[in-house]
N, C-alpha and C. Protein backbone atom coordinates (compact mmCIF):
# COMPACT_ATOMS: atom_id res chain seq x y z
N ARG A 1 0.81 -1.21 0.00
CA ARG A 1 0.00 0.00 0.00
C ARG A 1 0.85 1.27 0.00
N PHE A 2 2.06 1.19 0.59
CA PHE A 2 2.95 2.35 0.58
C PHE A 2 3.25 2.76 -0.86
N ALA A 3 3.56 1.77 -1.71
CA ALA A 3 3.84 2.06 -3.12
C ALA A 3 2.64 2.69 -3.81
N THR A 4 1.46 2.18 -3.51
CA THR A 4 0.24 2.73 -4.11
C THR A 4 0.03 4.18 -3.71
N PHE A 5 0.18 4.46 -2.42
CA PHE A 5 -0.01 5.83 -1.95
C PHE A 5 1.04 6.78 -2.54
N LEU A 6 2.28 6.32 -2.67
CA LEU A 6 3.32 7.15 -3.29
C LEU A 6 3.01 7.38 -4.77
N ALA A 7 2.55 6.34 -5.46
CA ALA A 7 2.20 6.49 -6.88
C ALA A 7 1.09 7.52 -7.04
N TRP A 8 0.08 7.46 -6.19
CA TRP A 8 -1.01 8.44 -6.25
C TRP A 8 -0.49 9.85 -6.02
N GLU A 9 0.39 10.01 -5.02
CA GLU A 9 0.92 11.33 -4.69
C GLU A 9 1.71 11.93 -5.85
N PHE A 10 2.52 11.11 -6.51
CA PHE A 10 3.39 11.63 -7.56
C PHE A 10 2.79 11.48 -8.95
N GLY A 11 1.59 10.92 -9.05
CA GLY A 11 0.92 10.79 -10.34
C GLY A 11 1.64 9.88 -11.32
N VAL A 12 2.18 8.78 -10.81
CA VAL A 12 2.92 7.83 -11.64
C VAL A 12 2.34 6.43 -11.47
N SER A 13 2.77 5.54 -12.34
CA SER A 13 2.38 4.13 -12.22
C SER A 13 3.04 3.52 -10.98
N VAL A 14 2.31 2.67 -10.31
CA VAL A 14 2.87 1.98 -9.15
C VAL A 14 4.07 1.12 -9.56
N LYS A 15 4.14 0.77 -10.84
CA LYS A 15 5.28 -0.01 -11.34
C LYS A 15 6.58 0.79 -11.28
N ASP A 16 6.47 2.12 -11.24
CA ASP A 16 7.65 2.98 -11.17
C ASP A 16 8.09 3.28 -9.74
N VAL A 17 7.36 2.76 -8.77
CA VAL A 17 7.63 3.05 -7.36
C VAL A 17 8.29 1.84 -6.70
N ASN A 18 9.39 2.09 -6.02
CA ASN A 18 10.02 1.08 -5.18
C ASN A 18 9.87 1.58 -3.75
N ALA A 19 8.91 1.01 -3.03
CA ALA A 19 8.61 1.46 -1.67
C ALA A 19 9.30 0.53 -0.67
N PHE A 20 9.92 1.11 0.32
CA PHE A 20 10.74 0.35 1.25
C PHE A 20 10.10 0.36 2.63
N VAL A 21 9.80 -0.84 3.15
CA VAL A 21 9.14 -0.96 4.45
C VAL A 21 9.86 -2.01 5.28
N LEU A 22 10.07 -1.71 6.56
CA LEU A 22 10.70 -2.63 7.52
C LEU A 22 9.70 -3.04 8.60
N GLY A 23 10.04 -4.09 9.33
CA GLY A 23 9.29 -4.45 10.53
C GLY A 23 8.13 -5.37 10.28
N GLY A 24 7.21 -5.36 11.24
CA GLY A 24 6.01 -6.19 11.15
C GLY A 24 5.00 -5.59 10.20
N HIS A 25 3.97 -6.36 9.92
CA HIS A 25 2.91 -5.89 9.03
C HIS A 25 1.77 -5.36 9.90
N GLY A 26 1.45 -4.11 9.73
CA GLY A 26 0.39 -3.51 10.54
C GLY A 26 0.76 -2.09 10.93
N ASP A 27 0.16 -1.62 12.01
CA ASP A 27 0.32 -0.21 12.35
C ASP A 27 1.69 0.15 12.93
N THR A 28 2.57 -0.84 13.11
CA THR A 28 3.94 -0.51 13.54
C THR A 28 4.96 -0.68 12.41
N MET A 29 4.48 -0.97 11.19
CA MET A 29 5.42 -1.09 10.06
C MET A 29 6.18 0.21 9.90
N VAL A 30 7.36 0.14 9.31
CA VAL A 30 8.23 1.30 9.18
C VAL A 30 8.50 1.60 7.71
N PRO A 31 7.67 2.44 7.09
CA PRO A 31 7.97 2.90 5.73
C PRO A 31 9.19 3.83 5.79
N VAL A 32 10.20 3.54 4.99
CA VAL A 32 11.44 4.30 5.04
C VAL A 32 11.55 5.15 3.77
N LEU A 33 11.29 6.44 3.93
CA LEU A 33 11.28 7.35 2.78
C LEU A 33 12.64 7.45 2.10
N GLU A 34 13.72 7.44 2.89
CA GLU A 34 15.06 7.62 2.33
C GLU A 34 15.45 6.52 1.34
N TYR A 35 14.82 5.36 1.45
CA TYR A 35 15.13 4.25 0.56
C TYR A 35 14.00 3.94 -0.42
N SER A 36 13.00 4.81 -0.47
CA SER A 36 11.89 4.63 -1.40
C SER A 36 12.09 5.55 -2.59
N THR A 37 11.83 5.02 -3.80
CA THR A 37 12.13 5.77 -5.01
C THR A 37 10.97 5.74 -6.01
N VAL A 38 10.99 6.73 -6.89
CA VAL A 38 10.10 6.76 -8.06
C VAL A 38 11.03 6.81 -9.27
N SER A 39 11.02 5.75 -10.05
CA SER A 39 11.93 5.61 -11.20
C SER A 39 13.37 5.90 -10.81
N GLY A 40 13.77 5.41 -9.65
CA GLY A 40 15.14 5.56 -9.18
C GLY A 40 15.43 6.86 -8.45
N ILE A 41 14.48 7.79 -8.43
CA ILE A 41 14.69 9.07 -7.75
C ILE A 41 14.14 8.95 -6.32
N PRO A 42 14.99 9.15 -5.30
CA PRO A 42 14.49 9.07 -3.93
C PRO A 42 13.34 10.05 -3.70
N VAL A 43 12.31 9.59 -3.01
CA VAL A 43 11.15 10.47 -2.79
C VAL A 43 11.55 11.71 -1.99
N THR A 44 12.58 11.59 -1.17
CA THR A 44 13.05 12.77 -0.44
C THR A 44 13.62 13.81 -1.40
N ASP A 45 14.23 13.36 -2.51
CA ASP A 45 14.71 14.30 -3.53
C ASP A 45 13.54 14.93 -4.28
N LEU A 46 12.48 14.15 -4.49
CA LEU A 46 11.29 14.69 -5.16
C LEU A 46 10.67 15.82 -4.33
N VAL A 47 10.77 15.73 -3.02
CA VAL A 47 10.30 16.82 -2.16
C VAL A 47 11.16 18.06 -2.40
N LYS A 48 12.48 17.87 -2.45
CA LYS A 48 13.39 18.99 -2.71
C LYS A 48 13.12 19.64 -4.07
N MET A 49 12.61 18.84 -5.01
CA MET A 49 12.30 19.34 -6.35
C MET A 49 10.92 20.00 -6.40
N GLY A 50 10.21 20.01 -5.27
CA GLY A 50 8.90 20.65 -5.21
C GLY A 50 7.75 19.79 -5.68
N LYS A 51 7.96 18.48 -5.82
CA LYS A 51 6.91 17.58 -6.31
C LYS A 51 5.95 17.15 -5.21
N SER A 52 6.34 17.36 -3.96
CA SER A 52 5.49 17.06 -2.81
C SER A 52 6.08 17.80 -1.62
N THR A 53 5.56 17.53 -0.44
CA THR A 53 6.08 18.17 0.77
C THR A 53 6.38 17.10 1.81
N LYS A 54 7.24 17.44 2.76
CA LYS A 54 7.55 16.52 3.85
C LYS A 54 6.28 16.19 4.62
N ALA A 55 5.44 17.20 4.83
CA ALA A 55 4.19 16.98 5.57
C ALA A 55 3.31 15.97 4.84
N LYS A 56 3.22 16.07 3.53
CA LYS A 56 2.41 15.14 2.75
C LYS A 56 2.98 13.73 2.83
N LEU A 57 4.32 13.61 2.74
CA LEU A 57 4.93 12.28 2.85
C LEU A 57 4.74 11.70 4.25
N ASP A 58 4.78 12.55 5.27
CA ASP A 58 4.51 12.07 6.63
C ASP A 58 3.08 11.54 6.74
N GLU A 59 2.14 12.20 6.07
CA GLU A 59 0.75 11.71 6.04
C GLU A 59 0.68 10.35 5.34
N ILE A 60 1.43 10.20 4.26
CA ILE A 60 1.44 8.93 3.52
C ILE A 60 2.01 7.82 4.40
N VAL A 61 3.06 8.12 5.15
CA VAL A 61 3.63 7.12 6.06
C VAL A 61 2.59 6.70 7.09
N ALA A 62 1.91 7.66 7.69
CA ALA A 62 0.88 7.34 8.68
C ALA A 62 -0.27 6.56 8.04
N ARG A 63 -0.66 6.97 6.86
CA ARG A 63 -1.75 6.30 6.14
C ARG A 63 -1.35 4.86 5.77
N THR A 64 -0.09 4.67 5.44
CA THR A 64 0.41 3.33 5.12
C THR A 64 0.28 2.41 6.32
N ARG A 65 0.66 2.93 7.49
CA ARG A 65 0.60 2.12 8.71
C ARG A 65 -0.83 1.71 9.05
N SER A 66 -1.75 2.61 8.82
CA SER A 66 -3.13 2.35 9.25
C SER A 66 -4.07 2.05 8.09
N GLY A 67 -3.54 1.93 6.88
CA GLY A 67 -4.39 1.91 5.69
C GLY A 67 -4.85 0.57 5.18
N GLY A 68 -4.63 -0.52 5.90
CA GLY A 68 -5.09 -1.81 5.41
C GLY A 68 -6.58 -1.83 5.16
N GLY A 69 -7.34 -1.30 6.10
CA GLY A 69 -8.79 -1.25 5.96
C GLY A 69 -9.22 -0.35 4.82
N GLU A 70 -8.47 0.72 4.60
CA GLU A 70 -8.78 1.63 3.49
C GLU A 70 -8.65 0.91 2.15
N ILE A 71 -7.60 0.14 1.99
CA ILE A 71 -7.40 -0.59 0.73
C ILE A 71 -8.52 -1.60 0.52
N VAL A 72 -8.86 -2.34 1.57
CA VAL A 72 -9.95 -3.32 1.47
C VAL A 72 -11.24 -2.61 1.07
N GLY A 73 -11.51 -1.44 1.67
CA GLY A 73 -12.71 -0.68 1.34
C GLY A 73 -12.73 -0.23 -0.11
N LEU A 74 -11.57 0.17 -0.63
CA LEU A 74 -11.49 0.60 -2.02
C LEU A 74 -11.71 -0.55 -3.00
N LEU A 75 -11.33 -1.75 -2.58
CA LEU A 75 -11.48 -2.91 -3.46
C LEU A 75 -12.93 -3.39 -3.54
N LYS A 76 -13.75 -2.96 -2.62
CA LYS A 76 -15.18 -3.33 -2.55
C LYS A 76 -15.37 -4.84 -2.37
N THR A 77 -15.15 -5.62 -3.42
CA THR A 77 -15.40 -7.06 -3.33
C THR A 77 -14.11 -7.85 -3.11
N GLY A 78 -12.99 -7.16 -3.03
CA GLY A 78 -11.72 -7.85 -2.88
C GLY A 78 -11.28 -7.94 -1.44
N SER A 79 -10.01 -8.13 -1.26
CA SER A 79 -9.48 -8.23 0.09
C SER A 79 -8.06 -7.70 0.11
N ALA A 80 -7.45 -7.78 1.28
CA ALA A 80 -6.07 -7.33 1.44
C ALA A 80 -5.08 -8.41 1.03
N TYR A 81 -5.53 -9.44 0.34
CA TYR A 81 -4.64 -10.52 -0.07
C TYR A 81 -3.84 -10.20 -1.32
N TYR A 82 -4.26 -9.21 -2.10
CA TYR A 82 -3.60 -8.94 -3.37
C TYR A 82 -2.15 -8.52 -3.22
N ALA A 83 -1.85 -7.59 -2.34
CA ALA A 83 -0.47 -7.14 -2.18
C ALA A 83 0.43 -8.26 -1.66
N PRO A 84 0.00 -9.00 -0.62
CA PRO A 84 0.85 -10.13 -0.19
C PRO A 84 1.03 -11.17 -1.29
N ALA A 85 0.00 -11.41 -2.08
CA ALA A 85 0.11 -12.38 -3.18
C ALA A 85 1.12 -11.90 -4.22
N THR A 86 1.08 -10.61 -4.52
CA THR A 86 2.03 -10.04 -5.47
C THR A 86 3.46 -10.19 -4.94
N SER A 87 3.63 -9.94 -3.64
CA SER A 87 4.95 -10.09 -3.03
C SER A 87 5.41 -11.55 -3.07
N ALA A 88 4.49 -12.47 -2.80
CA ALA A 88 4.84 -13.89 -2.83
C ALA A 88 5.27 -14.32 -4.23
N ILE A 89 4.59 -13.81 -5.24
CA ILE A 89 4.97 -14.13 -6.62
C ILE A 89 6.37 -13.58 -6.93
N ALA A 90 6.65 -12.35 -6.50
CA ALA A 90 7.98 -11.77 -6.74
C ALA A 90 9.06 -12.61 -6.06
N MET A 91 8.77 -13.08 -4.83
CA MET A 91 9.74 -13.93 -4.12
C MET A 91 9.94 -15.26 -4.84
N ALA A 92 8.83 -15.87 -5.28
CA ALA A 92 8.92 -17.16 -5.98
C ALA A 92 9.71 -17.01 -7.28
N GLU A 93 9.45 -15.94 -8.03
CA GLU A 93 10.18 -15.71 -9.28
C GLU A 93 11.68 -15.50 -9.01
N ALA A 94 11.99 -14.75 -7.95
CA ALA A 94 13.39 -14.51 -7.60
C ALA A 94 14.09 -15.81 -7.21
N TYR A 95 13.38 -16.66 -6.49
CA TYR A 95 13.92 -17.95 -6.07
C TYR A 95 14.09 -18.89 -7.26
N LEU A 96 13.03 -19.06 -8.02
CA LEU A 96 13.05 -20.01 -9.15
C LEU A 96 14.02 -19.59 -10.25
N GLY A 97 14.15 -18.28 -10.46
CA GLY A 97 15.04 -17.78 -11.50
C GLY A 97 16.41 -17.36 -10.99
N ASP A 98 16.69 -17.63 -9.72
CA ASP A 98 17.97 -17.23 -9.09
C ASP A 98 18.30 -15.78 -9.44
N GLN A 99 17.31 -14.89 -9.23
CA GLN A 99 17.43 -13.50 -9.66
C GLN A 99 18.23 -12.60 -8.73
N LYS A 100 18.51 -13.07 -7.53
CA LYS A 100 19.27 -12.26 -6.55
C LYS A 100 18.61 -10.90 -6.32
N ARG A 101 17.29 -10.90 -6.23
CA ARG A 101 16.55 -9.65 -5.99
C ARG A 101 16.58 -9.31 -4.51
N ILE A 102 16.65 -8.03 -4.22
CA ILE A 102 16.52 -7.56 -2.85
C ILE A 102 15.07 -7.21 -2.63
N LEU A 103 14.42 -7.97 -1.74
CA LEU A 103 13.00 -7.80 -1.47
C LEU A 103 12.77 -7.73 0.03
N PRO A 104 11.73 -7.00 0.45
CA PRO A 104 11.40 -7.01 1.87
C PRO A 104 10.70 -8.33 2.21
N CYS A 105 11.25 -9.04 3.19
CA CYS A 105 10.69 -10.34 3.58
C CYS A 105 10.79 -10.51 5.09
N ALA A 106 9.85 -11.23 5.65
CA ALA A 106 9.95 -11.61 7.05
C ALA A 106 10.83 -12.85 7.11
N VAL A 107 12.05 -12.66 7.60
CA VAL A 107 13.02 -13.75 7.69
C VAL A 107 13.64 -13.78 9.09
N TYR A 108 14.32 -14.87 9.37
CA TYR A 108 15.01 -15.03 10.64
C TYR A 108 16.23 -14.12 10.65
N VAL A 109 16.25 -13.18 11.57
CA VAL A 109 17.35 -12.22 11.66
C VAL A 109 18.15 -12.54 12.92
N ASP A 110 19.43 -12.78 12.73
CA ASP A 110 20.29 -13.11 13.85
C ASP A 110 21.62 -12.39 13.67
N GLY A 111 21.81 -11.32 14.45
CA GLY A 111 23.07 -10.60 14.39
C GLY A 111 23.07 -9.34 13.54
N LYS A 112 21.99 -9.07 12.86
CA LYS A 112 21.89 -7.82 12.10
C LYS A 112 20.75 -6.99 12.68
N TYR A 113 20.82 -5.70 12.47
CA TYR A 113 19.83 -4.76 13.01
C TYR A 113 19.74 -4.87 14.53
N GLY A 114 20.79 -5.38 15.16
CA GLY A 114 20.79 -5.53 16.62
C GLY A 114 19.86 -6.61 17.12
N LEU A 115 19.45 -7.52 16.24
CA LEU A 115 18.50 -8.57 16.61
C LEU A 115 19.19 -9.91 16.76
N ASP A 116 18.66 -10.70 17.66
CA ASP A 116 19.16 -12.06 17.86
C ASP A 116 17.99 -13.02 17.86
N GLY A 117 17.78 -13.67 16.72
CA GLY A 117 16.81 -14.75 16.65
C GLY A 117 15.36 -14.33 16.60
N LEU A 118 14.99 -13.54 15.59
CA LEU A 118 13.60 -13.11 15.45
C LEU A 118 13.24 -13.04 13.97
N TYR A 119 12.04 -13.47 13.64
CA TYR A 119 11.53 -13.31 12.28
C TYR A 119 10.88 -11.94 12.18
N VAL A 120 11.37 -11.11 11.26
CA VAL A 120 10.83 -9.76 11.09
C VAL A 120 11.15 -9.29 9.67
N GLY A 121 10.39 -8.32 9.18
CA GLY A 121 10.56 -7.83 7.82
C GLY A 121 11.78 -6.95 7.65
N VAL A 122 12.68 -7.40 6.78
CA VAL A 122 13.91 -6.67 6.45
C VAL A 122 14.23 -6.93 4.97
N PRO A 123 15.11 -6.13 4.38
CA PRO A 123 15.49 -6.42 2.99
C PRO A 123 16.40 -7.65 2.93
N VAL A 124 16.10 -8.51 1.95
CA VAL A 124 16.80 -9.79 1.83
C VAL A 124 17.11 -10.06 0.36
N VAL A 125 18.28 -10.61 0.10
CA VAL A 125 18.61 -11.09 -1.25
C VAL A 125 17.95 -12.45 -1.42
N ILE A 126 17.08 -12.56 -2.43
CA ILE A 126 16.40 -13.83 -2.72
C ILE A 126 16.96 -14.40 -4.02
N GLY A 127 17.42 -15.64 -3.93
CA GLY A 127 17.96 -16.34 -5.09
C GLY A 127 17.66 -17.83 -4.97
N ALA A 128 18.38 -18.63 -5.71
CA ALA A 128 18.13 -20.08 -5.75
C ALA A 128 18.31 -20.74 -4.39
N ASP A 129 19.07 -20.13 -3.49
CA ASP A 129 19.25 -20.68 -2.15
C ASP A 129 18.25 -20.09 -1.16
N GLY A 130 17.22 -19.45 -1.66
CA GLY A 130 16.20 -18.86 -0.79
C GLY A 130 16.62 -17.49 -0.31
N ALA A 131 16.40 -17.24 0.98
CA ALA A 131 16.82 -15.97 1.59
C ALA A 131 18.32 -16.07 1.81
N GLU A 132 19.07 -15.52 0.88
CA GLU A 132 20.52 -15.73 0.86
C GLU A 132 21.30 -14.77 1.76
N GLU A 133 20.77 -13.57 1.93
CA GLU A 133 21.49 -12.59 2.75
C GLU A 133 20.54 -11.52 3.24
N VAL A 134 20.61 -11.22 4.53
CA VAL A 134 19.89 -10.08 5.08
C VAL A 134 20.73 -8.84 4.77
N VAL A 135 20.11 -7.85 4.17
CA VAL A 135 20.80 -6.61 3.81
C VAL A 135 20.54 -5.59 4.92
N GLU A 136 21.60 -5.22 5.61
CA GLU A 136 21.45 -4.25 6.71
C GLU A 136 21.74 -2.85 6.18
N ILE A 137 20.72 -2.02 6.20
CA ILE A 137 20.87 -0.65 5.71
C ILE A 137 21.05 0.30 6.88
N ALA A 138 21.65 1.45 6.60
CA ALA A 138 21.81 2.48 7.62
C ALA A 138 20.46 3.15 7.86
N LEU A 139 20.10 3.29 9.11
CA LEU A 139 18.85 3.95 9.48
C LEU A 139 19.15 5.16 10.34
N ASP A 140 18.39 6.23 10.13
CA ASP A 140 18.54 7.38 11.02
C ASP A 140 17.90 7.04 12.36
N ASP A 141 18.09 7.92 13.34
CA ASP A 141 17.61 7.64 14.70
C ASP A 141 16.10 7.42 14.75
N GLU A 142 15.36 8.21 13.97
CA GLU A 142 13.90 8.06 13.97
C GLU A 142 13.49 6.69 13.42
N ALA A 143 14.09 6.29 12.30
CA ALA A 143 13.77 4.98 11.71
C ALA A 143 14.19 3.85 12.64
N LYS A 144 15.35 4.00 13.29
CA LYS A 144 15.80 2.98 14.25
C LYS A 144 14.79 2.83 15.38
N GLY A 145 14.33 3.96 15.91
CA GLY A 145 13.35 3.92 16.99
C GLY A 145 12.04 3.29 16.54
N ASN A 146 11.58 3.67 15.35
CA ASN A 146 10.34 3.09 14.82
C ASN A 146 10.48 1.60 14.55
N PHE A 147 11.66 1.18 14.06
CA PHE A 147 11.90 -0.24 13.82
C PHE A 147 11.88 -1.00 15.14
N GLN A 148 12.46 -0.42 16.18
CA GLN A 148 12.46 -1.10 17.49
C GLN A 148 11.03 -1.25 18.02
N VAL A 149 10.20 -0.24 17.82
CA VAL A 149 8.78 -0.34 18.21
C VAL A 149 8.11 -1.49 17.46
N SER A 150 8.40 -1.62 16.18
CA SER A 150 7.82 -2.69 15.37
C SER A 150 8.33 -4.05 15.84
N VAL A 151 9.63 -4.15 16.10
CA VAL A 151 10.21 -5.40 16.61
C VAL A 151 9.56 -5.78 17.93
N ASP A 152 9.39 -4.81 18.81
CA ASP A 152 8.75 -5.09 20.11
C ASP A 152 7.32 -5.58 19.92
N ALA A 153 6.61 -5.03 18.94
CA ALA A 153 5.23 -5.47 18.66
C ALA A 153 5.23 -6.92 18.17
N VAL A 154 6.21 -7.28 17.33
CA VAL A 154 6.32 -8.67 16.86
C VAL A 154 6.59 -9.59 18.05
N LYS A 155 7.49 -9.18 18.94
CA LYS A 155 7.79 -9.99 20.13
C LYS A 155 6.55 -10.17 21.00
N GLU A 156 5.78 -9.10 21.18
CA GLU A 156 4.55 -9.19 21.98
C GLU A 156 3.55 -10.14 21.34
N LEU A 157 3.46 -10.11 20.03
CA LEU A 157 2.56 -11.02 19.31
C LEU A 157 3.00 -12.47 19.51
N LEU A 158 4.29 -12.71 19.49
CA LEU A 158 4.80 -14.06 19.73
C LEU A 158 4.45 -14.55 21.13
N VAL A 159 4.60 -13.68 22.11
CA VAL A 159 4.24 -14.04 23.49
C VAL A 159 2.75 -14.38 23.57
N ALA A 160 1.92 -13.57 22.92
CA ALA A 160 0.47 -13.82 22.92
C ALA A 160 0.15 -15.16 22.25
N CYS A 161 0.82 -15.45 21.14
CA CYS A 161 0.58 -16.72 20.43
C CYS A 161 0.98 -17.91 21.29
N LYS A 162 2.11 -17.78 21.98
CA LYS A 162 2.57 -18.86 22.85
C LYS A 162 1.62 -19.06 24.02
N GLY A 163 0.97 -17.97 24.45
CA GLY A 163 -0.02 -18.07 25.52
C GLY A 163 -1.26 -18.83 25.06
N ILE A 164 -1.60 -18.69 23.80
CA ILE A 164 -2.76 -19.39 23.24
C ILE A 164 -2.41 -20.84 22.93
N GLU A 165 -1.22 -21.04 22.37
CA GLU A 165 -0.78 -22.39 21.99
C GLU A 165 0.63 -22.63 22.51
N PRO A 166 0.74 -23.21 23.72
CA PRO A 166 2.06 -23.40 24.36
C PRO A 166 3.06 -24.19 23.52
N SER A 167 2.60 -25.03 22.61
CA SER A 167 3.54 -25.81 21.80
C SER A 167 4.37 -24.93 20.87
N LEU A 168 3.98 -23.67 20.71
CA LEU A 168 4.74 -22.75 19.86
C LEU A 168 6.04 -22.29 20.53
N ALA A 169 6.14 -22.51 21.83
CA ALA A 169 7.33 -22.04 22.57
C ALA A 169 8.58 -22.79 22.17
């Protein structure tokens, strides 16, 4: 949905948008503007060029976090399964074709991003060997803080799941 909202803002095809999101899926996800681009141009540069404003992009980030219901409402008869299905297809194609694509995926992270043994959404190189490498990008203090909030939410969800089904421990 982040890519869709950016495409709408800049009046371009969603195919021209590379939207970068870290963390869990939901209201603690971390859309990272500095690594999101429109035809290779960072959206932060598009703001400098007068194509949008920081305030508008901040609204898009907030809308992305809370916008799952909005997308479902716009689809009328559809569901929120389309974006995850599209992502799954991209991952399968990268794996089957050994494409070495960097894609956001929930993978086991151990030793990167300050994490030890947690499945969470991060950029990953996908090729014939599956999730071949977690790509650790530099984050500013705000993004680091937001990512930690998202990681904590994932951990809380795991605790809740283990409370419901102890065999998950």
